[in-house]
Amino acid sequence: MDPLVSSRQFLKIILIGESGSGKTAFLRRFITNSFGNDYHNTIGATYISKTIDYKDSSIELQFWDTAGQEKFQSLGSSFYRGADACILVYDTTSALSLSNLAMWKSEFLLQIDFNYREDLPFVVVGTKADLTQSRAVPTESAKEWCNNNSIPDRLRFETSAKTGEGVEKAVMAAVDVGLRHSFRKVVYAPGVIDIKDFHEKKSFCCC
């Protein structure tokens, strides 16, 4: 068995980005392979999980879908700490959502354990790629943003929750780099919320 896998049976993956950027729809596509237009802005943060088969083992992916509204940013510290990977989400139809990712990334790094800031992996996800007529973020702009923020282009994805394009590839990239990161760190840092004490789950959560 791969030692990276055997060392952990779960991964904590955080999704951050502007409100309305498509984080919840992205997760719904991965968790249930479905799409709907009945979304409301996430309030605070929502926990949802899915167990996957990975290299002859099972891993529980613990996703934390965080609110993108400024008034909820102060909730971040408790939810961010202990993360194994972070998915930075922007909306390909909103240039502002991409430029604001730098702020979200900085806020995230301020809240996590100092010892893990340098090598904690980020995956960049552009959503709503199917809305080609409304695109406001050229692929080259996203590539340039990743280069300026020290994120390899192989960890950049354009996705569509409506068609499913790129969603699984993006999540599995987060799993790959998250496992390598978790292999190098000590379980959870102090002060991390225990999922057993967190009861707000999305109605589309797989059981």
N, C-alpha and C. Protein backbone atom coordinates (compact mmCIF):
# COMPACT_ATOMS: atom_id res chain seq x y z
N MET A 1 0.84 -1.20 0.00
CA MET A 1 0.00 0.00 0.00
C MET A 1 0.87 1.25 0.00
N ASP A 2 0.45 2.23 -0.75
CA ASP A 2 1.17 3.50 -0.81
C ASP A 2 1.24 4.11 0.60
N PRO A 3 2.45 4.41 1.11
CA PRO A 3 2.58 4.97 2.46
C PRO A 3 1.87 6.31 2.61
N LEU A 4 1.74 7.06 1.53
CA LEU A 4 1.01 8.33 1.60
C LEU A 4 -0.44 8.10 1.96
N VAL A 5 -1.00 6.99 1.44
CA VAL A 5 -2.40 6.68 1.69
C VAL A 5 -2.58 6.04 3.04
N SER A 6 -1.70 5.09 3.38
CA SER A 6 -1.85 4.35 4.63
C SER A 6 -1.70 5.25 5.85
N SER A 7 -1.01 6.39 5.68
CA SER A 7 -0.79 7.27 6.83
C SER A 7 -2.04 8.06 7.21
N ARG A 8 -2.99 8.18 6.30
CA ARG A 8 -4.20 8.95 6.57
C ARG A 8 -5.41 8.28 5.94
N GLN A 9 -6.53 8.28 6.66
CA GLN A 9 -7.77 7.76 6.10
C GLN A 9 -8.72 8.90 5.76
N PHE A 10 -8.31 10.13 5.96
CA PHE A 10 -9.16 11.27 5.63
C PHE A 10 -8.30 12.46 5.22
N LEU A 11 -8.91 13.35 4.47
CA LEU A 11 -8.26 14.60 4.09
C LEU A 11 -9.23 15.75 4.33
N LYS A 12 -8.72 16.85 4.84
CA LYS A 12 -9.53 18.05 5.03
C LYS A 12 -9.20 19.02 3.91
N ILE A 13 -10.21 19.33 3.09
CA ILE A 13 -10.03 20.20 1.94
C ILE A 13 -10.94 21.42 2.08
N ILE A 14 -10.36 22.60 2.03
CA ILE A 14 -11.11 23.85 2.18
C ILE A 14 -11.38 24.46 0.81
N LEU A 15 -12.59 24.96 0.60
CA LEU A 15 -12.91 25.72 -0.61
C LEU A 15 -13.16 27.17 -0.22
N ILE A 16 -12.43 28.09 -0.84
CA ILE A 16 -12.64 29.50 -0.55
C ILE A 16 -12.69 30.30 -1.85
N GLY A 17 -13.32 31.45 -1.77
CA GLY A 17 -13.49 32.32 -2.93
C GLY A 17 -14.69 33.22 -2.73
N GLU A 18 -14.93 34.08 -3.69
CA GLU A 18 -16.02 35.04 -3.58
C GLU A 18 -17.38 34.37 -3.48
N SER A 19 -18.31 35.04 -2.83
CA SER A 19 -19.69 34.59 -2.79
C SER A 19 -20.25 34.53 -4.21
N GLY A 20 -20.92 33.43 -4.53
CA GLY A 20 -21.49 33.28 -5.87
C GLY A 20 -20.53 32.77 -6.91
N SER A 21 -19.32 32.39 -6.50
CA SER A 21 -18.32 31.93 -7.46
C SER A 21 -18.56 30.50 -7.93
N GLY A 22 -19.46 29.79 -7.26
CA GLY A 22 -19.79 28.44 -7.72
C GLY A 22 -19.20 27.32 -6.90
N LYS A 23 -18.77 27.61 -5.68
CA LYS A 23 -18.16 26.59 -4.83
C LYS A 23 -19.13 25.45 -4.51
N THR A 24 -20.36 25.82 -4.12
CA THR A 24 -21.34 24.81 -3.73
C THR A 24 -21.75 23.95 -4.92
N ALA A 25 -21.95 24.56 -6.08
CA ALA A 25 -22.32 23.81 -7.28
C ALA A 25 -21.20 22.87 -7.69
N PHE A 26 -19.97 23.33 -7.56
CA PHE A 26 -18.79 22.50 -7.86
C PHE A 26 -18.78 21.26 -6.97
N LEU A 27 -19.00 21.47 -5.67
CA LEU A 27 -19.02 20.35 -4.73
C LEU A 27 -20.18 19.40 -5.02
N ARG A 28 -21.33 19.96 -5.30
CA ARG A 28 -22.50 19.13 -5.56
C ARG A 28 -22.25 18.21 -6.76
N ARG A 29 -21.63 18.74 -7.79
CA ARG A 29 -21.32 17.91 -8.96
C ARG A 29 -20.40 16.77 -8.58
N PHE A 30 -19.39 17.04 -7.76
CA PHE A 30 -18.46 15.98 -7.38
C PHE A 30 -19.12 14.96 -6.45
N ILE A 31 -19.89 15.43 -5.48
CA ILE A 31 -20.48 14.54 -4.48
C ILE A 31 -21.60 13.70 -5.06
N THR A 32 -22.50 14.31 -5.81
CA THR A 32 -23.71 13.60 -6.27
C THR A 32 -23.80 13.47 -7.78
N ASN A 33 -22.81 14.03 -8.49
CA ASN A 33 -22.83 14.02 -9.95
C ASN A 33 -24.12 14.61 -10.50
N SER A 34 -24.55 15.70 -9.89
CA SER A 34 -25.78 16.36 -10.32
C SER A 34 -25.58 17.87 -10.35
N PHE A 35 -26.54 18.55 -10.97
CA PHE A 35 -26.48 20.01 -11.07
C PHE A 35 -27.89 20.58 -10.93
N GLY A 36 -27.99 21.71 -10.25
CA GLY A 36 -29.28 22.38 -10.12
C GLY A 36 -29.06 23.87 -9.99
N ASN A 37 -30.11 24.62 -10.19
CA ASN A 37 -30.02 26.08 -10.06
C ASN A 37 -30.59 26.59 -8.75
N ASP A 38 -30.88 25.65 -7.83
CA ASP A 38 -31.55 26.00 -6.57
C ASP A 38 -30.55 26.28 -5.46
N TYR A 39 -29.58 27.16 -5.71
CA TYR A 39 -28.54 27.43 -4.73
C TYR A 39 -28.80 28.73 -3.99
N HIS A 40 -28.41 28.72 -2.72
CA HIS A 40 -28.45 29.93 -1.91
C HIS A 40 -27.04 30.14 -1.38
N ASN A 41 -26.69 31.37 -1.07
CA ASN A 41 -25.35 31.65 -0.53
C ASN A 41 -25.11 30.86 0.74
N THR A 42 -23.91 30.26 0.83
CA THR A 42 -23.54 29.54 2.04
C THR A 42 -23.43 30.52 3.20
N ILE A 43 -23.97 30.13 4.35
CA ILE A 43 -23.89 30.96 5.55
C ILE A 43 -22.85 30.35 6.49
N GLY A 44 -21.79 31.11 6.80
CA GLY A 44 -20.75 30.58 7.67
C GLY A 44 -19.91 29.57 6.91
N ALA A 45 -20.08 28.30 7.22
CA ALA A 45 -19.38 27.24 6.51
C ALA A 45 -20.20 25.96 6.59
N THR A 46 -20.08 25.14 5.58
CA THR A 46 -20.82 23.88 5.53
C THR A 46 -19.84 22.74 5.33
N TYR A 47 -20.04 21.68 6.08
CA TYR A 47 -19.20 20.50 5.98
C TYR A 47 -19.94 19.41 5.20
N ILE A 48 -19.22 18.76 4.31
CA ILE A 48 -19.78 17.65 3.54
C ILE A 48 -18.65 16.68 3.23
N SER A 49 -18.95 15.40 3.19
CA SER A 49 -17.88 14.42 2.99
C SER A 49 -18.27 13.38 1.94
N LYS A 50 -17.26 12.75 1.40
CA LYS A 50 -17.45 11.65 0.47
C LYS A 50 -16.25 10.72 0.58
N THR A 51 -16.51 9.44 0.67
CA THR A 51 -15.43 8.45 0.73
C THR A 51 -15.16 7.93 -0.67
N ILE A 52 -13.90 7.93 -1.06
CA ILE A 52 -13.52 7.49 -2.39
C ILE A 52 -12.52 6.35 -2.30
N ASP A 53 -12.42 5.58 -3.36
CA ASP A 53 -11.38 4.57 -3.49
C ASP A 53 -10.17 5.23 -4.12
N TYR A 54 -9.02 5.02 -3.50
CA TYR A 54 -7.81 5.67 -3.98
C TYR A 54 -6.64 4.72 -3.77
N LYS A 55 -6.05 4.25 -4.86
CA LYS A 55 -4.89 3.37 -4.79
C LYS A 55 -5.10 2.21 -3.82
N ASP A 56 -6.15 1.44 -4.04
CA ASP A 56 -6.45 0.24 -3.24
C ASP A 56 -6.76 0.55 -1.79
N SER A 57 -7.17 1.76 -1.50
CA SER A 57 -7.55 2.13 -0.15
C SER A 57 -8.77 3.04 -0.22
N SER A 58 -9.34 3.34 0.94
CA SER A 58 -10.48 4.25 1.01
C SER A 58 -10.08 5.50 1.79
N ILE A 59 -10.45 6.64 1.26
CA ILE A 59 -10.14 7.91 1.92
C ILE A 59 -11.42 8.72 2.03
N GLU A 60 -11.67 9.24 3.23
CA GLU A 60 -12.81 10.13 3.41
C GLU A 60 -12.36 11.56 3.11
N LEU A 61 -12.97 12.16 2.12
CA LEU A 61 -12.67 13.55 1.79
C LEU A 61 -13.63 14.44 2.57
N GLN A 62 -13.08 15.29 3.40
CA GLN A 62 -13.89 16.19 4.24
C GLN A 62 -13.78 17.60 3.64
N PHE A 63 -14.85 18.02 3.01
CA PHE A 63 -14.87 19.33 2.36
C PHE A 63 -15.51 20.37 3.26
N TRP A 64 -14.89 21.53 3.32
CA TRP A 64 -15.46 22.66 4.06
C TRP A 64 -15.71 23.77 3.05
N ASP A 65 -16.99 24.01 2.79
CA ASP A 65 -17.44 25.01 1.83
C ASP A 65 -17.71 26.29 2.60
N THR A 66 -16.83 27.27 2.46
CA THR A 66 -16.91 28.48 3.29
C THR A 66 -17.63 29.61 2.59
N ALA A 67 -18.27 30.46 3.38
CA ALA A 67 -18.99 31.61 2.84
C ALA A 67 -18.01 32.60 2.22
N GLY A 68 -18.43 33.24 1.15
CA GLY A 68 -17.57 34.22 0.50
C GLY A 68 -17.86 35.64 0.90
N GLN A 69 -18.85 35.84 1.79
CA GLN A 69 -19.19 37.21 2.19
C GLN A 69 -18.17 37.74 3.19
N GLU A 70 -17.84 39.00 3.07
CA GLU A 70 -16.83 39.62 3.94
C GLU A 70 -17.18 39.47 5.41
N LYS A 71 -18.48 39.58 5.76
CA LYS A 71 -18.85 39.55 7.17
C LYS A 71 -18.62 38.19 7.82
N PHE A 72 -18.38 37.15 7.00
CA PHE A 72 -18.14 35.83 7.57
C PHE A 72 -16.67 35.43 7.53
N GLN A 73 -15.79 36.32 7.08
CA GLN A 73 -14.38 35.97 6.98
C GLN A 73 -13.77 35.67 8.35
N SER A 74 -14.31 36.29 9.40
CA SER A 74 -13.76 36.07 10.74
C SER A 74 -14.00 34.66 11.23
N LEU A 75 -14.90 33.92 10.58
CA LEU A 75 -15.15 32.54 10.97
C LEU A 75 -14.01 31.62 10.51
N GLY A 76 -13.15 32.15 9.63
CA GLY A 76 -12.19 31.30 8.96
C GLY A 76 -11.22 30.55 9.83
N SER A 77 -10.68 31.18 10.88
CA SER A 77 -9.58 30.58 11.62
C SER A 77 -9.90 29.19 12.14
N SER A 78 -11.08 28.99 12.68
CA SER A 78 -11.44 27.69 13.23
C SER A 78 -11.60 26.63 12.15
N PHE A 79 -12.06 27.06 10.99
CA PHE A 79 -12.32 26.11 9.92
C PHE A 79 -11.08 25.82 9.08
N TYR A 80 -10.20 26.81 8.92
CA TYR A 80 -9.05 26.65 8.05
C TYR A 80 -7.97 25.76 8.65
N ARG A 81 -7.75 25.87 9.95
CA ARG A 81 -6.64 25.14 10.57
C ARG A 81 -6.83 23.63 10.42
N GLY A 82 -5.71 22.96 10.17
CA GLY A 82 -5.76 21.51 10.00
C GLY A 82 -6.00 21.09 8.57
N ALA A 83 -6.09 22.06 7.66
CA ALA A 83 -6.36 21.74 6.26
C ALA A 83 -5.18 21.01 5.63
N ASP A 84 -5.50 20.09 4.74
CA ASP A 84 -4.48 19.38 3.97
C ASP A 84 -4.29 19.98 2.59
N ALA A 85 -5.32 20.66 2.10
CA ALA A 85 -5.25 21.32 0.80
C ALA A 85 -6.34 22.38 0.75
N CYS A 86 -6.13 23.36 -0.11
CA CYS A 86 -7.11 24.44 -0.26
C CYS A 86 -7.42 24.63 -1.75
N ILE A 87 -8.70 24.64 -2.08
CA ILE A 87 -9.13 24.90 -3.45
C ILE A 87 -9.59 26.36 -3.53
N LEU A 88 -8.87 27.14 -4.32
CA LEU A 88 -9.22 28.54 -4.54
C LEU A 88 -10.15 28.61 -5.74
N VAL A 89 -11.36 29.11 -5.51
CA VAL A 89 -12.38 29.09 -6.56
C VAL A 89 -12.66 30.50 -7.08
N TYR A 90 -12.62 30.64 -8.40
CA TYR A 90 -13.03 31.90 -9.02
C TYR A 90 -14.06 31.60 -10.12
N ASP A 91 -14.80 32.60 -10.48
CA ASP A 91 -15.85 32.51 -11.49
C ASP A 91 -15.29 33.02 -12.81
N THR A 92 -15.27 32.19 -13.85
CA THR A 92 -14.69 32.62 -15.13
C THR A 92 -15.48 33.76 -15.78
N THR A 93 -16.67 34.05 -15.26
CA THR A 93 -17.44 35.17 -15.80
C THR A 93 -17.27 36.44 -14.97
N SER A 94 -16.36 36.42 -14.00
CA SER A 94 -16.13 37.58 -13.13
C SER A 94 -14.64 37.80 -12.93
N ALA A 95 -14.10 38.85 -13.54
CA ALA A 95 -12.68 39.17 -13.38
C ALA A 95 -12.35 39.51 -11.94
N LEU A 96 -13.29 40.13 -11.24
CA LEU A 96 -13.06 40.50 -9.84
C LEU A 96 -12.85 39.27 -8.97
N SER A 97 -13.55 38.19 -9.26
CA SER A 97 -13.42 36.99 -8.44
C SER A 97 -12.01 36.40 -8.54
N LEU A 98 -11.36 36.57 -9.69
CA LEU A 98 -9.98 36.10 -9.82
C LEU A 98 -9.02 37.02 -9.08
N SER A 99 -9.16 38.32 -9.28
CA SER A 99 -8.24 39.25 -8.62
C SER A 99 -8.35 39.18 -7.10
N ASN A 100 -9.53 38.86 -6.60
CA ASN A 100 -9.72 38.77 -5.14
C ASN A 100 -9.19 37.47 -4.55
N LEU A 101 -8.80 36.52 -5.38
CA LEU A 101 -8.26 35.27 -4.85
C LEU A 101 -7.00 35.50 -4.02
N ALA A 102 -6.22 36.51 -4.39
CA ALA A 102 -5.01 36.81 -3.63
C ALA A 102 -5.35 37.16 -2.19
N MET A 103 -6.43 37.91 -1.99
CA MET A 103 -6.89 38.26 -0.65
C MET A 103 -7.33 37.01 0.11
N TRP A 104 -8.09 36.14 -0.56
CA TRP A 104 -8.56 34.92 0.10
C TRP A 104 -7.38 34.01 0.47
N LYS A 105 -6.41 33.92 -0.42
CA LYS A 105 -5.23 33.09 -0.16
C LYS A 105 -4.45 33.63 1.03
N SER A 106 -4.25 34.94 1.09
CA SER A 106 -3.53 35.55 2.21
C SER A 106 -4.26 35.35 3.52
N GLU A 107 -5.58 35.53 3.50
CA GLU A 107 -6.40 35.34 4.70
C GLU A 107 -6.29 33.90 5.20
N PHE A 108 -6.34 32.97 4.28
CA PHE A 108 -6.23 31.55 4.62
C PHE A 108 -4.89 31.27 5.30
N LEU A 109 -3.80 31.75 4.72
CA LEU A 109 -2.47 31.48 5.26
C LEU A 109 -2.27 32.10 6.64
N LEU A 110 -2.92 33.22 6.88
CA LEU A 110 -2.82 33.86 8.20
C LEU A 110 -3.47 33.02 9.29
N GLN A 111 -4.45 32.20 8.92
CA GLN A 111 -5.24 31.48 9.90
C GLN A 111 -4.72 30.09 10.22
N ILE A 112 -3.89 29.52 9.35
CA ILE A 112 -3.44 28.15 9.58
C ILE A 112 -2.15 28.14 10.40
N ASP A 113 -1.76 26.95 10.84
CA ASP A 113 -0.57 26.79 11.65
C ASP A 113 0.66 27.31 10.90
N PHE A 114 1.45 28.12 11.58
CA PHE A 114 2.62 28.76 10.96
C PHE A 114 3.56 27.74 10.33
N ASN A 115 3.71 26.57 10.95
CA ASN A 115 4.67 25.57 10.47
C ASN A 115 4.30 24.98 9.12
N TYR A 116 3.03 25.13 8.70
CA TYR A 116 2.59 24.49 7.47
C TYR A 116 2.25 25.48 6.36
N ARG A 117 2.53 26.76 6.60
CA ARG A 117 2.15 27.77 5.61
C ARG A 117 2.94 27.64 4.31
N GLU A 118 4.22 27.35 4.45
CA GLU A 118 5.10 27.40 3.29
C GLU A 118 4.75 26.37 2.23
N ASP A 119 4.37 25.15 2.66
CA ASP A 119 4.17 24.10 1.67
C ASP A 119 2.73 23.60 1.56
N LEU A 120 1.77 24.29 2.18
CA LEU A 120 0.39 23.84 2.04
C LEU A 120 -0.05 24.05 0.59
N PRO A 121 -0.59 23.01 -0.04
CA PRO A 121 -0.89 23.09 -1.47
C PRO A 121 -2.21 23.79 -1.80
N PHE A 122 -2.18 24.53 -2.89
CA PHE A 122 -3.38 25.19 -3.41
C PHE A 122 -3.70 24.65 -4.80
N VAL A 123 -4.99 24.49 -5.05
CA VAL A 123 -5.49 24.15 -6.38
C VAL A 123 -6.40 25.30 -6.79
N VAL A 124 -6.25 25.77 -8.01
CA VAL A 124 -7.07 26.89 -8.50
C VAL A 124 -8.13 26.36 -9.46
N VAL A 125 -9.38 26.70 -9.18
CA VAL A 125 -10.50 26.20 -9.97
C VAL A 125 -11.32 27.38 -10.52
N GLY A 126 -11.42 27.43 -11.83
CA GLY A 126 -12.31 28.38 -12.48
C GLY A 126 -13.63 27.68 -12.78
N THR A 127 -14.73 28.25 -12.35
CA THR A 127 -16.04 27.63 -12.53
C THR A 127 -16.79 28.26 -13.72
N LYS A 128 -17.92 27.64 -14.06
CA LYS A 128 -18.84 28.16 -15.10
C LYS A 128 -18.17 28.25 -16.47
N ALA A 129 -17.29 27.28 -16.76
CA ALA A 129 -16.58 27.28 -18.04
C ALA A 129 -17.52 27.08 -19.22
N ASP A 130 -18.72 26.58 -18.96
CA ASP A 130 -19.70 26.38 -20.04
C ASP A 130 -20.30 27.71 -20.52
N LEU A 131 -20.19 28.76 -19.72
CA LEU A 131 -20.77 30.06 -20.08
C LEU A 131 -19.78 30.85 -20.94
N THR A 132 -19.49 30.32 -22.11
CA THR A 132 -18.45 30.90 -22.96
C THR A 132 -18.78 32.31 -23.42
N GLN A 133 -20.05 32.61 -23.62
CA GLN A 133 -20.44 33.94 -24.09
C GLN A 133 -20.29 35.00 -23.00
N SER A 134 -20.22 34.55 -21.75
CA SER A 134 -20.12 35.49 -20.63
C SER A 134 -18.73 35.52 -20.01
N ARG A 135 -17.80 34.80 -20.61
CA ARG A 135 -16.45 34.70 -20.02
C ARG A 135 -15.80 36.08 -19.88
N ALA A 136 -15.24 36.31 -18.69
CA ALA A 136 -14.54 37.57 -18.42
C ALA A 136 -13.09 37.34 -18.01
N VAL A 137 -12.73 36.07 -17.80
CA VAL A 137 -11.36 35.74 -17.39
C VAL A 137 -10.73 34.83 -18.45
N PRO A 138 -9.88 35.37 -19.31
CA PRO A 138 -9.19 34.55 -20.30
C PRO A 138 -8.30 33.51 -19.61
N THR A 139 -8.11 32.38 -20.25
CA THR A 139 -7.26 31.34 -19.68
C THR A 139 -5.87 31.88 -19.36
N GLU A 140 -5.33 32.72 -20.24
CA GLU A 140 -3.99 33.27 -20.02
C GLU A 140 -3.92 34.12 -18.76
N SER A 141 -5.02 34.80 -18.43
CA SER A 141 -5.03 35.61 -17.20
C SER A 141 -4.97 34.73 -15.97
N ALA A 142 -5.67 33.60 -16.01
CA ALA A 142 -5.63 32.66 -14.89
C ALA A 142 -4.24 32.04 -14.76
N LYS A 143 -3.63 31.72 -15.90
CA LYS A 143 -2.27 31.17 -15.87
C LYS A 143 -1.30 32.18 -15.26
N GLU A 144 -1.43 33.44 -15.67
CA GLU A 144 -0.55 34.49 -15.14
C GLU A 144 -0.75 34.66 -13.64
N TRP A 145 -2.01 34.60 -13.18
CA TRP A 145 -2.29 34.74 -11.75
C TRP A 145 -1.61 33.61 -10.98
N CYS A 146 -1.73 32.40 -11.48
CA CYS A 146 -1.10 31.26 -10.80
C CYS A 146 0.41 31.41 -10.76
N ASN A 147 1.01 31.85 -11.86
CA ASN A 147 2.45 32.04 -11.90
C ASN A 147 2.89 33.11 -10.89
N ASN A 148 2.13 34.19 -10.79
CA ASN A 148 2.46 35.27 -9.86
C ASN A 148 2.27 34.86 -8.40
N ASN A 149 1.49 33.82 -8.17
CA ASN A 149 1.21 33.37 -6.81
C ASN A 149 1.82 32.01 -6.49
N SER A 150 2.82 31.63 -7.29
CA SER A 150 3.62 30.41 -7.04
C SER A 150 2.77 29.14 -6.99
N ILE A 151 1.78 29.07 -7.87
CA ILE A 151 0.95 27.87 -7.98
C ILE A 151 1.21 27.26 -9.35
N PRO A 152 1.69 26.00 -9.41
CA PRO A 152 1.98 25.37 -10.70
C PRO A 152 0.75 25.32 -11.61
N ASP A 153 0.96 25.50 -12.89
CA ASP A 153 -0.16 25.50 -13.82
C ASP A 153 -0.88 24.15 -13.86
N ARG A 154 -0.18 23.08 -13.50
CA ARG A 154 -0.82 21.76 -13.46
C ARG A 154 -1.89 21.68 -12.39
N LEU A 155 -1.89 22.64 -11.47
CA LEU A 155 -2.90 22.67 -10.41
C LEU A 155 -3.96 23.74 -10.68
N ARG A 156 -4.10 24.12 -11.94
CA ARG A 156 -5.13 25.07 -12.37
C ARG A 156 -6.12 24.35 -13.28
N PHE A 157 -7.40 24.55 -13.00
CA PHE A 157 -8.43 23.86 -13.77
C PHE A 157 -9.58 24.81 -14.11
N GLU A 158 -10.15 24.60 -15.29
CA GLU A 158 -11.40 25.27 -15.65
C GLU A 158 -12.49 24.21 -15.64
N THR A 159 -13.57 24.49 -14.94
CA THR A 159 -14.59 23.47 -14.70
C THR A 159 -15.99 23.99 -15.00
N SER A 160 -16.91 23.04 -15.10
CA SER A 160 -18.32 23.37 -15.25
C SER A 160 -19.13 22.41 -14.39
N ALA A 161 -19.82 22.95 -13.40
CA ALA A 161 -20.69 22.11 -12.57
C ALA A 161 -21.88 21.62 -13.40
N LYS A 162 -22.25 22.37 -14.42
CA LYS A 162 -23.39 22.00 -15.25
C LYS A 162 -23.09 20.78 -16.11
N THR A 163 -21.92 20.75 -16.73
CA THR A 163 -21.56 19.63 -17.61
C THR A 163 -20.68 18.59 -16.92
N GLY A 164 -20.05 18.98 -15.83
CA GLY A 164 -19.14 18.09 -15.13
C GLY A 164 -17.70 18.24 -15.58
N GLU A 165 -17.47 19.05 -16.59
CA GLU A 165 -16.13 19.24 -17.13
C GLU A 165 -15.12 19.63 -16.06
N GLY A 166 -14.04 18.85 -15.95
CA GLY A 166 -12.91 19.20 -15.10
C GLY A 166 -13.09 19.06 -13.61
N VAL A 167 -14.31 18.76 -13.15
CA VAL A 167 -14.57 18.75 -11.70
C VAL A 167 -13.80 17.64 -11.00
N GLU A 168 -13.93 16.42 -11.49
CA GLU A 168 -13.23 15.31 -10.83
C GLU A 168 -11.72 15.47 -10.92
N LYS A 169 -11.22 15.92 -12.04
CA LYS A 169 -9.78 16.12 -12.19
C LYS A 169 -9.26 17.12 -11.17
N ALA A 170 -10.01 18.18 -10.95
CA ALA A 170 -9.59 19.21 -10.00
C ALA A 170 -9.56 18.66 -8.58
N VAL A 171 -10.61 17.92 -8.20
CA VAL A 171 -10.66 17.36 -6.85
C VAL A 171 -9.55 16.34 -6.65
N MET A 172 -9.33 15.48 -7.63
CA MET A 172 -8.29 14.46 -7.48
C MET A 172 -6.89 15.08 -7.43
N ALA A 173 -6.71 16.20 -8.08
CA ALA A 173 -5.43 16.91 -7.96
C ALA A 173 -5.25 17.40 -6.53
N ALA A 174 -6.34 17.89 -5.92
CA ALA A 174 -6.28 18.33 -4.52
C ALA A 174 -6.00 17.15 -3.60
N VAL A 175 -6.56 15.99 -3.92
CA VAL A 175 -6.31 14.78 -3.12
C VAL A 175 -4.83 14.40 -3.21
N ASP A 176 -4.29 14.39 -4.41
CA ASP A 176 -2.89 14.00 -4.60
C ASP A 176 -1.94 14.90 -3.81
N VAL A 177 -2.08 16.20 -3.97
CA VAL A 177 -1.16 17.10 -3.27
C VAL A 177 -1.48 17.17 -1.78
N GLY A 178 -2.76 16.99 -1.42
CA GLY A 178 -3.14 16.99 -0.02
C GLY A 178 -2.56 15.82 0.74
N LEU A 179 -2.52 14.66 0.11
CA LEU A 179 -1.94 13.48 0.75
C LEU A 179 -0.45 13.68 1.00
N ARG A 180 0.23 14.25 0.03
CA ARG A 180 1.67 14.49 0.21
C ARG A 180 1.92 15.50 1.33
N HIS A 181 1.06 16.49 1.42
CA HIS A 181 1.20 17.46 2.50
C HIS A 181 0.91 16.82 3.86
N SER A 182 -0.15 16.03 3.94
CA SER A 182 -0.54 15.43 5.22
C SER A 182 0.52 14.45 5.71
N PHE A 183 1.24 13.84 4.76
CA PHE A 183 2.29 12.90 5.11
C PHE A 183 3.42 13.59 5.86
N ARG A 184 3.54 14.92 5.66
CA ARG A 184 4.64 15.68 6.25
C ARG A 184 4.26 16.42 7.52
N LYS A 185 3.00 16.37 7.88
CA LYS A 185 2.61 17.15 9.06
C LYS A 185 1.95 16.29 10.13
N VAL A 186 1.88 16.83 11.31
CA VAL A 186 1.28 16.12 12.44
C VAL A 186 -0.22 16.36 12.42
N VAL A 187 -0.99 15.31 12.29
CA VAL A 187 -2.44 15.31 12.29
C VAL A 187 -3.03 16.72 12.32
N TYR A 188 -3.92 17.05 13.27
CA TYR A 188 -4.55 18.37 13.31
C TYR A 188 -3.86 19.28 14.31
N ALA A 189 -3.80 20.55 13.95
CA ALA A 189 -3.29 21.55 14.88
C ALA A 189 -4.33 21.82 15.95
N PRO A 190 -3.93 22.32 17.13
CA PRO A 190 -4.89 22.64 18.19
C PRO A 190 -5.92 23.65 17.73
N GLY A 191 -7.12 23.52 18.25
CA GLY A 191 -8.15 24.50 17.97
C GLY A 191 -8.98 24.21 16.75
N VAL A 192 -8.76 23.05 16.10
CA VAL A 192 -9.52 22.71 14.91
C VAL A 192 -10.89 22.18 15.31
N ILE A 193 -11.91 22.60 14.59
CA ILE A 193 -13.26 22.12 14.88
C ILE A 193 -13.36 20.63 14.58
N ASP A 194 -13.92 19.88 15.51
CA ASP A 194 -14.15 18.45 15.33
C ASP A 194 -15.44 18.28 14.55
N ILE A 195 -15.38 17.52 13.46
CA ILE A 195 -16.57 17.37 12.64
C ILE A 195 -17.70 16.69 13.39
N LYS A 196 -17.40 15.97 14.48
CA LYS A 196 -18.45 15.33 15.26
C LYS A 196 -19.32 16.37 15.95
N ASP A 197 -18.75 17.56 16.15
CA ASP A 197 -19.49 18.63 16.82
C ASP A 197 -20.11 19.61 15.83
N PHE A 198 -19.97 19.32 14.55
CA PHE A 198 -20.48 20.23 13.54
C PHE A 198 -21.62 19.54 12.82
N HIS A 199 -22.82 20.08 12.93
CA HIS A 199 -24.00 19.35 12.47
C HIS A 199 -24.65 19.91 11.22
N GLU A 200 -24.20 21.08 10.75
CA GLU A 200 -24.84 21.64 9.57
C GLU A 200 -24.28 20.98 8.33
N LYS A 201 -25.10 20.15 7.66
CA LYS A 201 -24.66 19.48 6.45
C LYS A 201 -25.62 19.80 5.32
N LYS A 202 -25.10 19.80 4.10
CA LYS A 202 -25.95 20.05 2.95
C LYS A 202 -26.91 18.88 2.75
N SER A 203 -28.08 19.19 2.23
CA SER A 203 -29.09 18.16 2.02
C SER A 203 -28.69 17.16 0.97
N PHE A 204 -27.71 17.51 0.12
CA PHE A 204 -27.30 16.58 -0.91
C PHE A 204 -26.10 15.75 -0.49
N CYS A 205 -25.76 15.76 0.80
CA CYS A 205 -24.61 14.99 1.29
C CYS A 205 -24.85 13.51 1.11
N CYS A 206 -23.84 12.80 0.61
CA CYS A 206 -23.95 11.35 0.45
C CYS A 206 -23.72 10.67 1.79
N CYS A 207 -24.50 9.70 2.12
CA CYS A 207 -24.36 8.97 3.37
C CYS A 207 -23.85 7.57 3.09
